[in-house]
C-alpha atoms as a PDB file:
ATOM      1  CA  MET A   1      -5.246  11.099  -8.404  1.00  0.00           C
ATOM      2  CA  CYS A   2      -6.948  13.327 -10.950  1.00  0.00           C
ATOM      3  CA  PHE A   3      -5.522  11.288 -13.812  1.00  0.00           C
ATOM      4  CA  PHE A   4      -6.438   8.090 -12.258  1.00  0.00           C
ATOM      5  CA  LEU A   5     -10.213   9.220 -11.971  1.00  0.00           C
ATOM      6  CA  LYS A   6     -10.248  10.243 -15.560  1.00  0.00           C
ATOM      7  CA  ALA A   7      -8.665   6.999 -16.761  1.00  0.00           C
ATOM      8  CA  LYS A   8     -10.944   4.939 -14.507  1.00  0.00           C
ATOM      9  CA  LYS A   9     -14.016   6.862 -15.883  1.00  0.00           C
ATOM     10  CA  LYS A  10     -12.663   6.049 -19.502  1.00  0.00           C
ATOM     11  CA  GLY A  11     -12.558   2.256 -18.785  1.00  0.00           C
ATOM     12  CA  TYR A  12     -15.920   2.211 -17.207  1.00  0.00           C
ATOM     13  CA  ASP A  13     -17.454   4.141 -19.884  1.00  0.00           C
ATOM     14  CA  GLN A  14     -16.081   1.551 -22.440  1.00  0.00           C
ATOM     15  CA  ASP A  15     -17.421  -1.129 -20.107  1.00  0.00           C
ATOM     16  CA  GLN A  16     -20.796   0.012 -20.540  1.00  0.00           C
ATOM     17  CA  MET A  17     -20.668  -0.421 -24.444  1.00  0.00           C
ATOM     18  CA  ILE A  18     -21.747  -3.481 -26.273  1.00  0.00           C
ATOM     19  CA  THR A  19     -18.028  -4.209 -26.926  1.00  0.00           C
ATOM     20  CA  THR A  20     -17.357  -4.822 -23.390  1.00  0.00           C
ATOM     21  CA  HIS A  21     -15.152  -7.770 -22.413  1.00  0.00           C
ATOM     22  CA  PRO A  22     -13.376  -9.155 -19.420  1.00  0.00           C
ATOM     23  CA  ILE A  23     -10.111  -7.431 -18.317  1.00  0.00           C
ATOM     24  CA  ARG A  24      -8.375 -10.964 -18.639  1.00  0.00           C
ATOM     25  CA  GLY A  25      -9.157 -13.609 -21.148  1.00  0.00           C
ATOM     26  CA  ARG A  26      -7.701 -16.143 -23.625  1.00  0.00           C
ATOM     27  CA  ILE A  27      -6.067 -14.505 -26.674  1.00  0.00           C
ATOM     28  CA  ALA A  28      -6.446 -16.707 -29.772  1.00  0.00           C
ATOM     29  CA  ASN A  29      -4.079 -14.602 -31.890  1.00  0.00           C
ATOM     30  CA  THR A  30      -2.468 -11.198 -32.376  1.00  0.00           C
ATOM     31  CA  ASN A  31      -5.395  -9.714 -34.098  1.00  0.00           C
ATOM     32  CA  VAL A  32      -7.493 -10.371 -30.989  1.00  0.00           C
ATOM     33  CA  ALA A  33      -4.830  -9.087 -28.848  1.00  0.00           C
ATOM     34  CA  ASP A  34      -4.744  -5.765 -30.635  1.00  0.00           C
ATOM     35  CA  SER A  35      -8.528  -5.538 -30.294  1.00  0.00           C
ATOM     36  CA  ILE A  36      -8.429  -5.531 -26.443  1.00  0.00           C
ATOM     37  CA  PHE A  37      -5.650  -2.861 -25.663  1.00  0.00           C
ATOM     38  CA  ASP A  38      -8.220  -0.374 -24.586  1.00  0.00           C
ATOM     39  CA  GLY A  39      -9.706   1.323 -21.419  1.00  0.00           C
ATOM     40  CA  ILE A  40     -11.294  -1.791 -20.001  1.00  0.00           C
ATOM     41  CA  THR A  41      -7.888  -3.573 -20.001  1.00  0.00           C
ATOM     42  CA  TYR A  42      -5.703  -0.757 -18.907  1.00  0.00           C
ATOM     43  CA  ASN A  43      -7.867   1.601 -16.890  1.00  0.00           C
ATOM     44  CA  LYS A  44     -10.465  -0.800 -15.516  1.00  0.00           C
ATOM     45  CA  GLY A  45      -7.504  -3.164 -14.715  1.00  0.00           C
ATOM     46  CA  ALA A  46      -5.778  -0.421 -12.712  1.00  0.00           C
ATOM     47  CA  ALA A  47      -9.037   0.228 -10.812  1.00  0.00           C
ATOM     48  CA  THR A  48      -9.289  -3.450  -9.860  1.00  0.00           C
ATOM     49  CA  MET A  49      -5.770  -3.278  -8.496  1.00  0.00           C
ATOM     50  CA  LYS A  50      -6.887  -0.307  -6.231  1.00  0.00           C
ATOM     51  CA  GLN A  51      -9.738  -2.463  -5.120  1.00  0.00           C
ATOM     52  CA  ILE A  52      -7.590  -5.373  -4.172  1.00  0.00           C
ATOM     53  CA  CYS A  53      -5.335  -3.030  -2.474  1.00  0.00           C
ATOM     54  CA  PHE A  54      -8.270  -1.537  -0.563  1.00  0.00           C
ATOM     55  CA  LEU A  55      -9.569  -5.151   0.162  1.00  0.00           C
ATOM     56  CA  MET A  56      -6.260  -6.240   1.750  1.00  0.00           C
ATOM     57  CA  SER A  57      -5.079  -2.758   3.277  1.00  0.00           C
ATOM     58  CA  GLU A  58      -2.077  -0.792   1.901  1.00  0.00           C
ATOM     59  CA  GLU A  59       0.175  -2.546   4.283  1.00  0.00           C
ATOM     60  CA  SER A  60      -0.726  -6.079   3.409  1.00  0.00           C
ATOM     61  CA  PHE A  61      -0.805  -5.227  -0.371  1.00  0.00           C
ATOM     62  CA  GLY A  62       2.784  -3.700   0.068  1.00  0.00           C
ATOM     63  CA  LYS A  63       4.034  -6.928   1.838  1.00  0.00           C
ATOM     64  CA  GLY A  64       2.349  -8.998  -1.002  1.00  0.00           C
ATOM     65  CA  LEU A  65       4.088  -6.900  -3.687  1.00  0.00           C
ATOM     66  CA  SER A  66       7.515  -7.091  -1.959  1.00  0.00           C
ATOM     67  CA  SER A  67       7.178 -10.854  -1.569  1.00  0.00           C
ATOM     68  CA  TYR A  68       6.074 -11.254  -5.195  1.00  0.00           C
ATOM     69  CA  PHE A  69       8.740  -9.177  -6.732  1.00  0.00           C
ATOM     70  CA  LYS A  70      11.302 -10.827  -4.580  1.00  0.00           C
ATOM     71  CA  LYS A  71      10.266 -14.236  -5.566  1.00  0.00           C
ATOM     72  CA  TYR A  72       9.848 -13.531  -9.313  1.00  0.00           C
ATOM     73  CA  GLU A  73      12.889 -11.136  -9.770  1.00  0.00           C
ATOM     74  CA  TRP A  74      14.248 -11.667 -13.201  1.00  0.00           C
ATOM     75  CA  ASN A  75      11.636 -14.395 -14.007  1.00  0.00           C
ATOM     76  CA  ASN A  76       8.371 -14.680 -15.759  1.00  0.00           C
ATOM     77  CA  ALA A  77       5.198 -14.943 -13.818  1.00  0.00           C
ATOM     78  CA  THR A  78       1.575 -15.372 -14.274  1.00  0.00           C
ATOM     79  CA  ILE A  79      -1.433 -13.792 -12.734  1.00  0.00           C
ATOM     80  CA  ASP A  80      -1.805 -17.039 -10.698  1.00  0.00           C
ATOM     81  CA  ASP A  81       1.501 -16.563  -9.472  1.00  0.00           C
ATOM     82  CA  PHE A  82       0.864 -13.098  -8.478  1.00  0.00           C
ATOM     83  CA  LEU A  83      -2.361 -13.991  -6.784  1.00  0.00           C
ATOM     84  CA  ALA A  84      -0.895 -16.866  -4.973  1.00  0.00           C
ATOM     85  CA  GLU A  85       1.827 -14.562  -3.482  1.00  0.00           C
ATOM     86  CA  MET A  86      -0.805 -11.920  -2.498  1.00  0.00           C
ATOM     87  CA  GLN A  87      -3.052 -14.552  -0.882  1.00  0.00           C
ATOM     88  CA  LYS A  88      -0.431 -15.042   1.725  1.00  0.00           C
ATOM     89  CA  PHE A  89      -1.263 -11.496   2.943  1.00  0.00           C
ATOM     90  CA  PHE A  90      -4.954 -11.556   2.249  1.00  0.00           C
ATOM     91  CA  PHE A  91      -7.084 -12.049   5.324  1.00  0.00           C
ATOM     92  CA  GLN A  92     -10.867 -11.873   3.937  1.00  0.00           C
ATOM     93  CA  LYS A  93     -13.009 -14.607   5.198  1.00  0.00           C
ATOM     94  CA  GLU A  94     -15.735 -14.207   2.647  1.00  0.00           C
ATOM     95  CA  PHE A  95     -13.787 -15.211  -0.362  1.00  0.00           C
ATOM     96  CA  THR A  96     -10.175 -15.908  -1.801  1.00  0.00           C
ATOM     97  CA  LEU A  97      -8.069 -14.278  -4.500  1.00  0.00           C
ATOM     98  CA  PRO A  98      -8.900 -16.793  -7.134  1.00  0.00           C
ATOM     99  CA  ASP A  99     -12.532 -16.055  -6.457  1.00  0.00           C
ATOM    100  CA  TRP A 100     -11.818 -12.285  -6.897  1.00  0.00           C
ATOM    101  CA  LYS A 101      -9.879 -13.101 -10.177  1.00  0.00           C
ATOM    102  CA  HIS A 102     -12.983 -14.703 -11.464  1.00  0.00           C
ATOM    103  CA  LEU A 103     -15.339 -11.841 -10.468  1.00  0.00           C
ATOM    104  CA  TRP A 104     -13.143  -8.937 -11.276  1.00  0.00           C
ATOM    105  CA  LEU A 105     -10.811  -9.980 -13.997  1.00  0.00           C
ATOM    106  CA  GLU A 106     -12.618 -12.758 -15.877  1.00  0.00           C
ATOM    107  CA  SER A 107     -16.177 -11.320 -15.818  1.00  0.00           C
ATOM    108  CA  ALA A 108     -17.301  -8.503 -18.366  1.00  0.00           C
ATOM    109  CA  SER A 109     -19.175  -5.424 -17.525  1.00  0.00           C
ATOM    110  CA  LEU A 110     -19.626  -3.485 -14.232  1.00  0.00           C
ATOM    111  CA  ASN A 111     -21.841  -3.170 -11.207  1.00  0.00           C
ATOM    112  CA  VAL A 112     -24.037  -0.374 -10.092  1.00  0.00           C
ATOM    113  CA  LEU A 113     -23.805   0.789  -6.525  1.00  0.00           C
ATOM    114  CA  GLU A 114     -26.698   2.783  -5.323  1.00  0.00           C
ATOM    115  CA  PRO A 115     -27.322   4.336  -1.888  1.00  0.00           C
ATOM    116  CA  GLU A 116     -30.789   3.786  -0.316  1.00  0.00           C
ATOM    117  CA  TRP A 117     -31.591   6.128   2.672  1.00  0.00           C
ATOM    118  CA  ASN A 118     -33.947   8.798   3.697  1.00  0.00           C
ATOM    119  CA  ILE A 119     -31.859  12.082   3.430  1.00  0.00           C
ATOM    120  CA  ASN A 120     -34.584  13.895   5.570  1.00  0.00           C
ATOM    121  CA  SER A 121     -34.541  11.555   8.558  1.00  0.00           C
ATOM    122  CA  THR A 122     -33.386  12.835  11.821  1.00  0.00           C
ATOM    123  CA  ASP A 123     -33.628   9.273  13.462  1.00  0.00           C
ATOM    124  CA  GLN A 124     -30.226   8.409  14.880  1.00  0.00           C
ATOM    125  CA  HIS A 125     -30.846   4.817  13.966  1.00  0.00           C
ATOM    126  CA  SER A 126     -31.474   5.541  10.309  1.00  0.00           C
ATOM    127  CA  LYS A 127     -29.660   2.921   8.030  1.00  0.00           C
ATOM    128  CA  LEU A 128     -27.806   3.500   4.723  1.00  0.00           C
ATOM    129  CA  LEU A 129     -28.112   0.520   2.446  1.00  0.00           C
ATOM    130  CA  ILE A 130     -25.917   0.235  -0.703  1.00  0.00           C
ATOM    131  CA  LYS A 131     -27.782  -1.711  -3.254  1.00  0.00           C
ATOM    132  CA  GLN A 132     -25.617  -3.589  -5.953  1.00  0.00           C
ATOM    133  CA  SER A 133     -26.992  -4.572  -9.245  1.00  0.00           C
ATOM    134  CA  ALA A 134     -25.494  -5.690 -12.570  1.00  0.00           C
ATOM    135  CA  TYR A 135     -25.347  -3.017 -15.197  1.00  0.00           C
ATOM    136  CA  THR A 136     -26.825  -5.253 -17.750  1.00  0.00           C
ATOM    137  CA  TYR A 137     -28.829  -8.615 -17.720  1.00  0.00           C
ATOM    138  CA  THR A 138     -26.248  -9.861 -20.336  1.00  0.00           C
ATOM    139  CA  PHE A 139     -23.534  -9.821 -17.676  1.00  0.00           C
ATOM    140  CA  PRO A 140     -25.257 -10.356 -14.276  1.00  0.00           C
ATOM    141  CA  THR A 141     -22.100 -10.749 -12.151  1.00  0.00           C
ATOM    142  CA  LEU A 142     -22.323  -9.259  -8.629  1.00  0.00           C
ATOM    143  CA  ARG A 143     -18.880  -8.513  -7.123  1.00  0.00           C
ATOM    144  CA  PHE A 144     -17.717  -8.312  -3.541  1.00  0.00           C
ATOM    145  CA  HIS A 145     -16.870  -4.548  -3.006  1.00  0.00           C
ATOM    146  CA  LYS A 146     -15.228  -2.691  -0.184  1.00  0.00           C
ATOM    147  CA  ILE A 147     -16.179   1.005  -0.257  1.00  0.00           C
ATOM    148  CA  LYS A 148     -15.737   4.045   1.907  1.00  0.00           C
ATOM    149  CA  VAL A 149     -18.877   6.263   2.467  1.00  0.00           C
ATOM    150  CA  SER A 150     -18.442   9.849   3.443  1.00  0.00           C
ATOM    151  CA  PHE A 151     -21.038  12.465   4.573  1.00  0.00           C
ATOM    152  CA  PHE A 152     -20.538  16.061   4.303  1.00  0.00           C
ATOM    153  CA  ARG A 153     -22.373  19.294   3.737  1.00  0.00           C
END
């Protein structure tokens, strides 16, 4: 887990630079391909797989992977093949995996999630709001997130 968190941070650090790019995109030639083998592609790419697993549940994600690997064993497959197989086990009503692909894989930069709440409130009906914003106006994409929030002393 520690390795993953360090790698994820590297990907997100690179995603905040002016050289940000989507995880997935069209590659015109091998020179372009060489230029995008970086933390965004690999480390942020891995983080997006964890996000889709979290959205689906580990059980559904595992079933989707099993189905995908069985169907495409010894064959070539595309991202659309992968997502079509995973969609069979994806039960979100708010959006589909093609929507997810566009927001998470084909859109550059990142989102900032910021808690808004009164830490000193003793009211049992206090609310915690998570405010999402785009990191930069250049890439104003807002993504559907599923997160866990923990409170501890």
